[in-house]
Amino acid sequence: MQARIKWVENMAFVAESGSGHAVVIDGPPEIGGRNLGARPMELLLMGVGACSSVDVVMILKKARQPVSDCYCELNAERAETEPKVFTSIHLRFVVSGSGLNPAQVERAVKLSAEKYCSASIMLANAGVKISHDFEIREPS
């Protein structure tokens, strides 16, 4: 896996993935940024949520569950002093589908947390407290 980060101006950068996709990263105005993009730690948090969400949806689809929507809300706490690492991250999955089996959703979330999500497992191994829960909604 590869990536390239190119400084644009002030505290703005463009990050390009090895697969050719780009994202703008910027800092807050108090450090010279113009708020043009996500902060680096926000990207890390979003990466954790996306990694685990891919797992959950894939596991549910393999289990032939009628998943029609899934989103993950993340809340993170950071250390007060430098380095301001994540100390805890909570992932809440909201999964929709007509007739979803709660045991299958619980299993998908658990498998992602304990076996498949490289991002959250890596952070947990570094001492970040990772927690999960889920909610099932019927499609509207």
N, C-alpha and C. Protein backbone atom coordinates (compact mmCIF):
# COMPACT_ATOMS: atom_id res chain seq x y z
N MET A 1 0.85 -1.17 0.00
CA MET A 1 0.00 0.00 0.00
C MET A 1 0.89 1.23 0.00
N GLN A 2 0.46 2.22 -0.76
CA GLN A 2 1.24 3.45 -0.85
C GLN A 2 0.31 4.65 -0.79
N ALA A 3 0.89 5.80 -0.46
CA ALA A 3 0.16 7.07 -0.47
C ALA A 3 1.18 8.18 -0.68
N ARG A 4 0.69 9.32 -1.11
CA ARG A 4 1.55 10.48 -1.33
C ARG A 4 0.81 11.70 -0.78
N ILE A 5 1.50 12.49 0.04
CA ILE A 5 0.92 13.70 0.60
C ILE A 5 1.69 14.89 0.02
N LYS A 6 0.97 15.80 -0.65
CA LYS A 6 1.59 16.96 -1.30
C LYS A 6 1.11 18.23 -0.63
N TRP A 7 2.07 19.03 -0.16
CA TRP A 7 1.75 20.32 0.44
C TRP A 7 1.25 21.26 -0.66
N VAL A 8 0.13 21.94 -0.41
CA VAL A 8 -0.45 22.87 -1.37
C VAL A 8 -0.10 24.30 -0.99
N GLU A 9 -0.53 24.73 0.20
CA GLU A 9 -0.23 26.06 0.72
C GLU A 9 -0.63 26.10 2.19
N ASN A 10 -0.10 27.06 2.92
CA ASN A 10 -0.41 27.22 4.33
C ASN A 10 -0.37 25.85 5.03
N MET A 11 -1.49 25.36 5.53
CA MET A 11 -1.55 24.03 6.15
C MET A 11 -2.43 23.07 5.36
N ALA A 12 -2.59 23.34 4.06
CA ALA A 12 -3.41 22.50 3.19
C ALA A 12 -2.52 21.51 2.43
N PHE A 13 -2.99 20.28 2.34
CA PHE A 13 -2.29 19.21 1.65
C PHE A 13 -3.29 18.43 0.81
N VAL A 14 -2.82 17.76 -0.21
CA VAL A 14 -3.63 16.80 -0.94
C VAL A 14 -3.00 15.44 -0.74
N ALA A 15 -3.79 14.50 -0.25
CA ALA A 15 -3.33 13.13 -0.05
C ALA A 15 -3.86 12.29 -1.20
N GLU A 16 -2.98 11.54 -1.84
CA GLU A 16 -3.38 10.66 -2.94
C GLU A 16 -3.04 9.23 -2.57
N SER A 17 -4.04 8.38 -2.69
CA SER A 17 -3.84 6.97 -2.36
C SER A 17 -3.14 6.26 -3.50
N GLY A 18 -2.60 5.10 -3.21
CA GLY A 18 -1.96 4.29 -4.23
C GLY A 18 -2.92 3.88 -5.33
N SER A 19 -4.22 3.86 -5.03
CA SER A 19 -5.21 3.51 -6.03
C SER A 19 -5.68 4.72 -6.82
N GLY A 20 -5.07 5.89 -6.56
CA GLY A 20 -5.34 7.06 -7.38
C GLY A 20 -6.46 7.98 -6.90
N HIS A 21 -6.92 7.81 -5.68
CA HIS A 21 -7.97 8.68 -5.15
C HIS A 21 -7.35 9.76 -4.28
N ALA A 22 -7.95 10.96 -4.30
CA ALA A 22 -7.36 12.08 -3.57
C ALA A 22 -8.35 12.66 -2.57
N VAL A 23 -7.79 13.25 -1.52
CA VAL A 23 -8.57 13.93 -0.50
C VAL A 23 -7.78 15.14 -0.02
N VAL A 24 -8.50 16.23 0.24
CA VAL A 24 -7.88 17.45 0.76
C VAL A 24 -7.82 17.37 2.28
N ILE A 25 -6.68 17.73 2.82
CA ILE A 25 -6.46 17.76 4.27
C ILE A 25 -6.04 19.19 4.61
N ASP A 26 -6.59 19.74 5.68
CA ASP A 26 -6.22 21.10 6.07
C ASP A 26 -6.30 21.22 7.58
N GLY A 27 -5.62 22.21 8.09
CA GLY A 27 -5.62 22.49 9.51
C GLY A 27 -6.59 23.61 9.83
N PRO A 28 -6.82 23.84 11.11
CA PRO A 28 -7.71 24.93 11.52
C PRO A 28 -7.01 26.28 11.35
N PRO A 29 -7.79 27.35 11.28
CA PRO A 29 -7.20 28.68 11.10
C PRO A 29 -6.16 29.05 12.15
N GLU A 30 -6.32 28.57 13.39
CA GLU A 30 -5.38 28.96 14.45
C GLU A 30 -3.97 28.44 14.23
N ILE A 31 -3.78 27.49 13.30
CA ILE A 31 -2.41 27.05 12.97
C ILE A 31 -2.05 27.39 11.52
N GLY A 32 -2.86 28.26 10.89
CA GLY A 32 -2.55 28.70 9.54
C GLY A 32 -3.35 28.01 8.45
N GLY A 33 -4.27 27.16 8.83
CA GLY A 33 -5.11 26.50 7.83
C GLY A 33 -6.28 27.38 7.43
N ARG A 34 -7.00 26.92 6.39
CA ARG A 34 -8.18 27.65 5.94
C ARG A 34 -9.44 26.79 6.03
N ASN A 35 -9.33 25.66 6.72
CA ASN A 35 -10.48 24.78 6.91
C ASN A 35 -11.03 24.26 5.58
N LEU A 36 -10.13 23.91 4.67
CA LEU A 36 -10.52 23.44 3.34
C LEU A 36 -10.80 21.94 3.29
N GLY A 37 -10.41 21.22 4.33
CA GLY A 37 -10.59 19.77 4.31
C GLY A 37 -10.56 19.20 5.72
N ALA A 38 -10.69 17.90 5.78
CA ALA A 38 -10.67 17.21 7.07
C ALA A 38 -9.29 17.31 7.71
N ARG A 39 -9.26 17.22 9.02
CA ARG A 39 -8.00 17.18 9.77
C ARG A 39 -7.44 15.75 9.70
N PRO A 40 -6.15 15.59 9.87
CA PRO A 40 -5.57 14.25 9.82
C PRO A 40 -6.19 13.27 10.82
N MET A 41 -6.43 13.70 12.04
CA MET A 41 -7.02 12.79 13.03
C MET A 41 -8.48 12.47 12.70
N GLU A 42 -9.18 13.41 12.06
CA GLU A 42 -10.54 13.11 11.60
C GLU A 42 -10.51 12.02 10.53
N LEU A 43 -9.52 12.11 9.64
CA LEU A 43 -9.39 11.08 8.61
C LEU A 43 -9.11 9.71 9.22
N LEU A 44 -8.28 9.69 10.25
CA LEU A 44 -7.99 8.43 10.94
C LEU A 44 -9.27 7.86 11.55
N LEU A 45 -10.06 8.71 12.20
CA LEU A 45 -11.31 8.26 12.79
C LEU A 45 -12.28 7.77 11.71
N MET A 46 -12.39 8.52 10.62
CA MET A 46 -13.26 8.09 9.52
C MET A 46 -12.79 6.78 8.92
N GLY A 47 -11.47 6.58 8.86
CA GLY A 47 -10.93 5.32 8.35
C GLY A 47 -11.33 4.14 9.21
N VAL A 48 -11.32 4.33 10.52
CA VAL A 48 -11.76 3.27 11.43
C VAL A 48 -13.22 2.93 11.17
N GLY A 49 -14.05 3.95 11.07
CA GLY A 49 -15.48 3.73 10.83
C GLY A 49 -15.74 3.07 9.49
N ALA A 50 -15.03 3.50 8.46
CA ALA A 50 -15.21 2.91 7.13
C ALA A 50 -14.74 1.47 7.10
N CYS A 51 -13.60 1.20 7.71
CA CYS A 51 -13.05 -0.16 7.74
C CYS A 51 -14.04 -1.12 8.40
N SER A 52 -14.57 -0.72 9.54
CA SER A 52 -15.50 -1.58 10.26
C SER A 52 -16.84 -1.68 9.54
N SER A 53 -17.29 -0.59 8.92
CA SER A 53 -18.56 -0.60 8.19
C SER A 53 -18.50 -1.55 7.00
N VAL A 54 -17.38 -1.55 6.29
CA VAL A 54 -17.22 -2.48 5.17
C VAL A 54 -17.38 -3.91 5.68
N ASP A 55 -16.72 -4.21 6.80
CA ASP A 55 -16.83 -5.55 7.38
C ASP A 55 -18.28 -5.90 7.71
N VAL A 56 -18.96 -5.01 8.41
CA VAL A 56 -20.32 -5.29 8.87
C VAL A 56 -21.24 -5.55 7.68
N VAL A 57 -21.19 -4.69 6.67
CA VAL A 57 -22.06 -4.87 5.50
C VAL A 57 -21.71 -6.16 4.76
N MET A 58 -20.42 -6.41 4.58
CA MET A 58 -20.00 -7.62 3.87
C MET A 58 -20.45 -8.88 4.62
N ILE A 59 -20.28 -8.92 5.92
CA ILE A 59 -20.68 -10.08 6.72
C ILE A 59 -22.19 -10.27 6.65
N LEU A 60 -22.95 -9.18 6.75
CA LEU A 60 -24.41 -9.29 6.67
C LEU A 60 -24.85 -9.78 5.29
N LYS A 61 -24.21 -9.29 4.24
CA LYS A 61 -24.56 -9.74 2.89
C LYS A 61 -24.24 -11.23 2.70
N LYS A 62 -23.08 -11.65 3.22
CA LYS A 62 -22.72 -13.07 3.13
C LYS A 62 -23.69 -13.95 3.90
N ALA A 63 -24.26 -13.40 4.98
CA ALA A 63 -25.25 -14.13 5.77
C ALA A 63 -26.65 -14.01 5.16
N ARG A 64 -26.72 -13.39 4.00
CA ARG A 64 -27.98 -13.20 3.27
C ARG A 64 -29.02 -12.42 4.08
N GLN A 65 -28.52 -11.45 4.82
CA GLN A 65 -29.41 -10.58 5.57
C GLN A 65 -29.89 -9.45 4.65
N PRO A 66 -31.14 -9.02 4.80
CA PRO A 66 -31.71 -8.01 3.90
C PRO A 66 -31.31 -6.58 4.30
N VAL A 67 -30.03 -6.32 4.37
CA VAL A 67 -29.55 -4.99 4.77
C VAL A 67 -29.79 -4.00 3.63
N SER A 68 -30.45 -2.89 3.97
CA SER A 68 -30.73 -1.87 2.96
C SER A 68 -29.99 -0.56 3.24
N ASP A 69 -29.49 -0.40 4.46
CA ASP A 69 -28.74 0.80 4.81
C ASP A 69 -27.89 0.51 6.04
N CYS A 70 -26.77 1.18 6.12
CA CYS A 70 -25.89 1.04 7.28
C CYS A 70 -25.07 2.30 7.41
N TYR A 71 -25.05 2.85 8.59
CA TYR A 71 -24.11 3.93 8.85
C TYR A 71 -23.51 3.74 10.23
N CYS A 72 -22.35 4.33 10.41
CA CYS A 72 -21.60 4.20 11.65
C CYS A 72 -21.33 5.59 12.19
N GLU A 73 -21.77 5.83 13.41
CA GLU A 73 -21.49 7.09 14.09
C GLU A 73 -20.35 6.84 15.07
N LEU A 74 -19.32 7.66 15.02
CA LEU A 74 -18.16 7.47 15.88
C LEU A 74 -18.00 8.64 16.83
N ASN A 75 -17.64 8.33 18.05
CA ASN A 75 -17.29 9.34 19.05
C ASN A 75 -15.94 8.95 19.61
N ALA A 76 -15.02 9.91 19.61
CA ALA A 76 -13.67 9.63 20.08
C ALA A 76 -13.25 10.65 21.12
N GLU A 77 -12.43 10.20 22.03
CA GLU A 77 -11.79 11.06 23.02
C GLU A 77 -10.30 11.06 22.73
N ARG A 78 -9.67 12.20 22.96
CA ARG A 78 -8.23 12.32 22.75
C ARG A 78 -7.54 12.75 24.03
N ALA A 79 -6.28 12.42 24.14
CA ALA A 79 -5.48 12.84 25.29
C ALA A 79 -5.43 14.36 25.34
N GLU A 80 -5.33 14.89 26.55
CA GLU A 80 -5.29 16.35 26.73
C GLU A 80 -3.95 16.96 26.35
N THR A 81 -2.87 16.17 26.45
CA THR A 81 -1.53 16.69 26.19
C THR A 81 -0.92 16.00 24.97
N GLU A 82 0.10 16.62 24.43
CA GLU A 82 0.79 16.07 23.26
C GLU A 82 1.51 14.79 23.63
N PRO A 83 1.53 13.80 22.81
CA PRO A 83 0.76 13.70 21.57
C PRO A 83 -0.70 13.42 21.90
N LYS A 84 -1.60 14.12 21.24
CA LYS A 84 -3.04 14.02 21.53
C LYS A 84 -3.65 12.82 20.82
N VAL A 85 -3.20 11.65 21.26
CA VAL A 85 -3.65 10.39 20.67
C VAL A 85 -5.10 10.10 21.07
N PHE A 86 -5.74 9.23 20.31
CA PHE A 86 -7.06 8.76 20.72
C PHE A 86 -6.90 7.92 21.98
N THR A 87 -7.76 8.15 22.94
CA THR A 87 -7.78 7.31 24.15
C THR A 87 -8.97 6.35 24.12
N SER A 88 -10.05 6.76 23.45
CA SER A 88 -11.20 5.87 23.30
C SER A 88 -11.96 6.23 22.03
N ILE A 89 -12.56 5.21 21.44
CA ILE A 89 -13.41 5.38 20.26
C ILE A 89 -14.62 4.47 20.44
N HIS A 90 -15.79 5.04 20.25
CA HIS A 90 -17.02 4.25 20.28
C HIS A 90 -17.65 4.27 18.90
N LEU A 91 -17.97 3.08 18.38
CA LEU A 91 -18.63 2.94 17.08
C LEU A 91 -20.06 2.48 17.32
N ARG A 92 -21.00 3.23 16.78
CA ARG A 92 -22.42 2.85 16.86
C ARG A 92 -22.93 2.62 15.44
N PHE A 93 -23.31 1.39 15.16
CA PHE A 93 -23.83 1.03 13.84
C PHE A 93 -25.35 1.14 13.85
N VAL A 94 -25.88 1.80 12.86
CA VAL A 94 -27.33 1.86 12.66
C VAL A 94 -27.58 1.12 11.34
N VAL A 95 -28.22 -0.04 11.46
CA VAL A 95 -28.41 -0.92 10.31
C VAL A 95 -29.90 -1.03 10.03
N SER A 96 -30.27 -0.84 8.77
CA SER A 96 -31.66 -0.94 8.36
C SER A 96 -31.84 -2.11 7.42
N GLY A 97 -33.01 -2.70 7.51
CA GLY A 97 -33.38 -3.79 6.61
C GLY A 97 -34.66 -4.42 7.10
N SER A 98 -35.48 -4.81 6.19
CA SER A 98 -36.76 -5.41 6.54
C SER A 98 -36.55 -6.85 6.99
N GLY A 99 -36.73 -7.10 8.29
CA GLY A 99 -36.59 -8.45 8.81
C GLY A 99 -35.17 -8.86 9.15
N LEU A 100 -34.31 -7.90 9.48
CA LEU A 100 -32.93 -8.25 9.89
C LEU A 100 -32.95 -9.09 11.16
N ASN A 101 -32.08 -10.06 11.23
CA ASN A 101 -31.94 -10.90 12.41
C ASN A 101 -30.97 -10.20 13.37
N PRO A 102 -31.42 -9.79 14.56
CA PRO A 102 -30.54 -9.09 15.51
C PRO A 102 -29.29 -9.89 15.85
N ALA A 103 -29.39 -11.20 15.94
CA ALA A 103 -28.22 -12.03 16.25
C ALA A 103 -27.18 -11.94 15.13
N GLN A 104 -27.64 -11.84 13.89
CA GLN A 104 -26.71 -11.71 12.76
C GLN A 104 -26.03 -10.35 12.75
N VAL A 105 -26.76 -9.31 13.10
CA VAL A 105 -26.16 -7.97 13.17
C VAL A 105 -25.14 -7.93 14.30
N GLU A 106 -25.50 -8.47 15.44
CA GLU A 106 -24.57 -8.53 16.57
C GLU A 106 -23.31 -9.30 16.19
N ARG A 107 -23.49 -10.42 15.51
CA ARG A 107 -22.36 -11.25 15.07
C ARG A 107 -21.46 -10.47 14.11
N ALA A 108 -22.05 -9.73 13.18
CA ALA A 108 -21.27 -8.96 12.20
C ALA A 108 -20.43 -7.89 12.90
N VAL A 109 -21.03 -7.18 13.85
CA VAL A 109 -20.32 -6.14 14.59
C VAL A 109 -19.19 -6.77 15.41
N LYS A 110 -19.47 -7.89 16.05
CA LYS A 110 -18.47 -8.56 16.88
C LYS A 110 -17.31 -9.10 16.04
N LEU A 111 -17.62 -9.72 14.90
CA LEU A 111 -16.55 -10.23 14.03
C LEU A 111 -15.66 -9.10 13.51
N SER A 112 -16.27 -7.99 13.14
CA SER A 112 -15.47 -6.85 12.70
C SER A 112 -14.55 -6.39 13.82
N ALA A 113 -15.11 -6.25 15.01
CA ALA A 113 -14.33 -5.74 16.16
C ALA A 113 -13.20 -6.68 16.56
N GLU A 114 -13.46 -7.97 16.53
CA GLU A 114 -12.50 -8.93 17.08
C GLU A 114 -11.59 -9.59 16.06
N LYS A 115 -11.99 -9.59 14.78
CA LYS A 115 -11.22 -10.37 13.81
C LYS A 115 -10.83 -9.62 12.54
N TYR A 116 -11.72 -8.78 12.00
CA TYR A 116 -11.50 -8.27 10.65
C TYR A 116 -11.06 -6.82 10.50
N CYS A 117 -11.49 -5.94 11.37
CA CYS A 117 -11.20 -4.51 11.16
C CYS A 117 -9.76 -4.18 11.56
N SER A 118 -8.90 -4.17 10.58
CA SER A 118 -7.47 -3.91 10.82
C SER A 118 -7.24 -2.58 11.54
N ALA A 119 -7.99 -1.57 11.15
CA ALA A 119 -7.78 -0.23 11.71
C ALA A 119 -8.10 -0.19 13.20
N SER A 120 -9.29 -0.68 13.59
CA SER A 120 -9.66 -0.61 15.01
C SER A 120 -8.84 -1.58 15.85
N ILE A 121 -8.53 -2.74 15.30
CA ILE A 121 -7.72 -3.71 16.05
C ILE A 121 -6.31 -3.16 16.28
N MET A 122 -5.75 -2.50 15.27
CA MET A 122 -4.42 -1.90 15.41
C MET A 122 -4.43 -0.84 16.52
N LEU A 123 -5.46 0.01 16.54
CA LEU A 123 -5.54 1.04 17.57
C LEU A 123 -5.79 0.43 18.95
N ALA A 124 -6.62 -0.61 19.01
CA ALA A 124 -6.87 -1.28 20.29
C ALA A 124 -5.58 -1.88 20.83
N ASN A 125 -4.78 -2.47 19.95
CA ASN A 125 -3.50 -3.04 20.37
C ASN A 125 -2.52 -1.97 20.85
N ALA A 126 -2.74 -0.73 20.44
CA ALA A 126 -1.90 0.38 20.88
C ALA A 126 -2.45 1.04 22.14
N GLY A 127 -3.53 0.48 22.70
CA GLY A 127 -4.05 0.99 23.97
C GLY A 127 -5.29 1.85 23.88
N VAL A 128 -5.85 2.03 22.68
CA VAL A 128 -7.09 2.81 22.56
C VAL A 128 -8.26 1.92 22.97
N LYS A 129 -9.12 2.44 23.83
CA LYS A 129 -10.30 1.68 24.26
C LYS A 129 -11.34 1.79 23.14
N ILE A 130 -11.65 0.66 22.52
CA ILE A 130 -12.61 0.62 21.41
C ILE A 130 -13.88 -0.07 21.89
N SER A 131 -15.02 0.56 21.68
CA SER A 131 -16.30 -0.06 22.04
C SER A 131 -17.26 0.05 20.85
N HIS A 132 -18.26 -0.83 20.86
CA HIS A 132 -19.21 -0.91 19.76
C HIS A 132 -20.61 -1.13 20.30
N ASP A 133 -21.60 -0.64 19.58
CA ASP A 133 -22.96 -1.07 19.78
C ASP A 133 -23.69 -0.91 18.46
N PHE A 134 -24.95 -1.33 18.43
CA PHE A 134 -25.70 -1.24 17.19
C PHE A 134 -27.18 -1.03 17.47
N GLU A 135 -27.85 -0.56 16.45
CA GLU A 135 -29.29 -0.35 16.48
C GLU A 135 -29.83 -0.86 15.15
N ILE A 136 -30.95 -1.53 15.20
CA ILE A 136 -31.60 -2.01 13.97
C ILE A 136 -32.85 -1.16 13.75
N ARG A 137 -33.00 -0.70 12.51
CA ARG A 137 -34.18 0.07 12.14
C ARG A 137 -34.86 -0.59 10.95
N GLU A 138 -36.16 -0.54 10.97
CA GLU A 138 -36.91 -0.98 9.80
C GLU A 138 -36.83 0.13 8.75
N PRO A 139 -36.72 -0.21 7.49
CA PRO A 139 -36.65 0.82 6.46
C PRO A 139 -37.90 1.71 6.49
N SER A 140 -37.73 2.99 6.18
CA SER A 140 -38.88 3.90 6.19
C SER A 140 -39.56 3.97 4.85
